[in-house]
């Protein structure tokens, strides 16, 4: 299981996810980025920032 908090990359955003895999987290975050942050495409540097903050669920 993996977890990610958007606020770790986008200050002030309180969205969080717990998913089975890193790919599932990235998919959910891409939808969130589009729907809540208005990003049509997620830039590679943002994907890298998200990947760096994905954690294993203890």
N, C-alpha and C. Protein backbone atom coordinates (compact mmCIF):
# COMPACT_ATOMS: atom_id res chain seq x y z
N UNK A 1 0.85 -1.18 0.00
CA UNK A 1 0.00 0.00 0.00
C UNK A 1 0.89 1.24 0.00
N UNK A 2 0.42 2.25 -0.71
CA UNK A 2 1.15 3.52 -0.83
C UNK A 2 0.24 4.67 -0.43
N UNK A 3 0.83 5.75 0.06
CA UNK A 3 0.06 6.93 0.43
C UNK A 3 0.74 8.19 -0.10
N UNK A 4 -0.08 9.19 -0.36
CA UNK A 4 0.42 10.48 -0.83
C UNK A 4 -0.52 11.57 -0.35
N UNK A 5 0.07 12.69 0.07
CA UNK A 5 -0.69 13.88 0.47
C UNK A 5 -0.34 15.00 -0.50
N UNK A 6 -1.31 15.54 -1.19
CA UNK A 6 -1.07 16.60 -2.18
C UNK A 6 -0.39 17.81 -1.53
N UNK A 7 -0.73 18.09 -0.29
CA UNK A 7 -0.14 19.23 0.41
C UNK A 7 1.37 19.15 0.55
N UNK A 8 1.94 17.95 0.37
CA UNK A 8 3.40 17.82 0.40
C UNK A 8 4.04 18.43 -0.84
N UNK A 9 3.24 18.62 -1.89
CA UNK A 9 3.73 19.20 -3.14
C UNK A 9 3.05 20.54 -3.43
N UNK A 10 1.76 20.64 -3.10
CA UNK A 10 0.98 21.86 -3.34
C UNK A 10 0.51 22.37 -1.98
N UNK A 11 1.22 23.34 -1.41
CA UNK A 11 0.84 23.85 -0.08
C UNK A 11 -0.62 24.29 -0.04
N UNK A 12 -1.30 23.89 1.03
CA UNK A 12 -2.68 24.28 1.23
C UNK A 12 -3.70 23.27 0.74
N UNK A 13 -3.27 22.29 -0.04
CA UNK A 13 -4.20 21.26 -0.53
C UNK A 13 -4.24 20.14 0.49
N UNK A 14 -5.46 19.72 0.88
CA UNK A 14 -5.57 18.69 1.91
C UNK A 14 -5.97 17.32 1.38
N UNK A 15 -5.92 17.13 0.06
CA UNK A 15 -6.26 15.84 -0.53
C UNK A 15 -5.19 14.80 -0.21
N UNK A 16 -5.63 13.59 0.12
CA UNK A 16 -4.72 12.48 0.39
C UNK A 16 -5.26 11.21 -0.24
N UNK A 17 -4.37 10.27 -0.49
CA UNK A 17 -4.75 8.98 -1.07
C UNK A 17 -4.01 7.87 -0.39
N UNK A 18 -4.64 6.73 -0.32
CA UNK A 18 -4.01 5.47 0.05
C UNK A 18 -4.43 4.49 -1.03
N UNK A 19 -3.46 3.96 -1.75
CA UNK A 19 -3.74 3.10 -2.90
C UNK A 19 -2.87 1.85 -2.84
N UNK A 20 -3.22 0.87 -3.67
CA UNK A 20 -2.48 -0.38 -3.70
C UNK A 20 -1.07 -0.23 -4.23
N UNK A 21 -0.88 0.68 -5.19
CA UNK A 21 0.42 0.80 -5.84
C UNK A 21 0.75 2.26 -6.15
N UNK A 22 2.01 2.50 -6.48
CA UNK A 22 2.44 3.83 -6.89
C UNK A 22 1.70 4.27 -8.15
N UNK A 23 1.50 3.35 -9.09
CA UNK A 23 0.76 3.68 -10.31
C UNK A 23 -0.66 4.12 -10.01
N UNK A 24 -1.30 3.44 -9.05
CA UNK A 24 -2.66 3.83 -8.66
C UNK A 24 -2.68 5.22 -8.04
N UNK A 25 -1.68 5.53 -7.23
CA UNK A 25 -1.57 6.87 -6.64
C UNK A 25 -1.41 7.90 -7.76
N UNK A 26 -0.50 7.65 -8.69
CA UNK A 26 -0.26 8.60 -9.77
C UNK A 26 -1.51 8.82 -10.61
N UNK A 27 -2.27 7.78 -10.86
CA UNK A 27 -3.52 7.92 -11.62
C UNK A 27 -4.51 8.80 -10.87
N UNK A 28 -4.69 8.53 -9.58
CA UNK A 28 -5.62 9.32 -8.77
C UNK A 28 -5.17 10.77 -8.68
N UNK A 29 -3.88 10.99 -8.54
CA UNK A 29 -3.35 12.36 -8.44
C UNK A 29 -3.53 13.09 -9.77
N UNK A 30 -3.37 12.40 -10.88
CA UNK A 30 -3.57 13.04 -12.19
C UNK A 30 -5.02 13.52 -12.35
N UNK A 31 -5.96 12.70 -11.91
CA UNK A 31 -7.38 13.10 -11.96
C UNK A 31 -7.61 14.30 -11.04
N UNK A 32 -7.06 14.26 -9.85
CA UNK A 32 -7.17 15.37 -8.90
C UNK A 32 -6.55 16.64 -9.47
N UNK A 33 -5.38 16.51 -10.07
CA UNK A 33 -4.69 17.68 -10.65
C UNK A 33 -5.56 18.33 -11.72
N UNK A 34 -6.22 17.50 -12.52
CA UNK A 34 -7.10 18.02 -13.56
C UNK A 34 -8.35 18.67 -12.95
N UNK A 35 -9.03 17.92 -12.10
CA UNK A 35 -10.33 18.36 -11.59
C UNK A 35 -10.24 19.49 -10.56
N UNK A 36 -9.22 19.46 -9.71
CA UNK A 36 -9.15 20.41 -8.61
C UNK A 36 -8.10 21.50 -8.78
N UNK A 37 -7.09 21.24 -9.62
CA UNK A 37 -6.04 22.24 -9.81
C UNK A 37 -6.00 22.77 -11.24
N UNK A 38 -6.87 22.27 -12.11
CA UNK A 38 -6.98 22.79 -13.47
C UNK A 38 -5.85 22.42 -14.41
N UNK A 39 -5.08 21.39 -14.08
CA UNK A 39 -3.98 20.97 -14.95
C UNK A 39 -4.49 19.98 -15.99
N UNK A 40 -4.38 20.34 -17.25
CA UNK A 40 -4.78 19.44 -18.33
C UNK A 40 -3.73 18.34 -18.49
N UNK A 41 -2.47 18.72 -18.46
CA UNK A 41 -1.36 17.78 -18.50
C UNK A 41 -0.50 18.00 -17.26
N UNK A 42 -0.01 16.92 -16.70
CA UNK A 42 0.83 17.02 -15.51
C UNK A 42 2.29 17.02 -15.99
N UNK A 43 3.00 18.13 -15.75
CA UNK A 43 4.39 18.23 -16.19
C UNK A 43 5.29 17.17 -15.52
N UNK A 44 6.34 16.78 -16.22
CA UNK A 44 7.24 15.75 -15.72
C UNK A 44 7.85 16.11 -14.37
N UNK A 45 8.16 17.40 -14.16
CA UNK A 45 8.75 17.79 -12.88
C UNK A 45 7.76 17.64 -11.73
N UNK A 46 6.48 17.83 -12.01
CA UNK A 46 5.46 17.63 -10.98
C UNK A 46 5.29 16.14 -10.69
N UNK A 47 5.32 15.32 -11.72
CA UNK A 47 5.26 13.86 -11.51
C UNK A 47 6.43 13.41 -10.64
N UNK A 48 7.61 13.94 -10.92
CA UNK A 48 8.79 13.59 -10.12
C UNK A 48 8.62 14.03 -8.67
N UNK A 49 8.05 15.22 -8.47
CA UNK A 49 7.82 15.71 -7.10
C UNK A 49 6.83 14.81 -6.37
N UNK A 50 5.77 14.41 -7.06
CA UNK A 50 4.78 13.51 -6.45
C UNK A 50 5.45 12.18 -6.11
N UNK A 51 6.17 11.60 -7.08
CA UNK A 51 6.84 10.31 -6.83
C UNK A 51 7.76 10.39 -5.60
N UNK A 52 8.43 11.51 -5.42
CA UNK A 52 9.36 11.64 -4.30
C UNK A 52 8.66 11.68 -2.95
N UNK A 53 7.37 11.97 -2.96
CA UNK A 53 6.61 12.09 -1.71
C UNK A 53 5.67 10.90 -1.45
N UNK A 54 5.60 9.94 -2.36
CA UNK A 54 4.79 8.75 -2.13
C UNK A 54 5.49 7.89 -1.09
N UNK A 55 4.74 7.49 -0.09
CA UNK A 55 5.29 6.71 1.03
C UNK A 55 4.60 5.36 1.14
N UNK A 56 5.31 4.41 1.72
CA UNK A 56 4.71 3.13 2.06
C UNK A 56 3.80 3.30 3.27
N UNK A 57 2.68 2.62 3.26
CA UNK A 57 1.78 2.63 4.42
C UNK A 57 2.37 1.65 5.43
N UNK A 58 2.51 2.12 6.64
CA UNK A 58 3.12 1.27 7.70
C UNK A 58 2.21 0.13 8.10
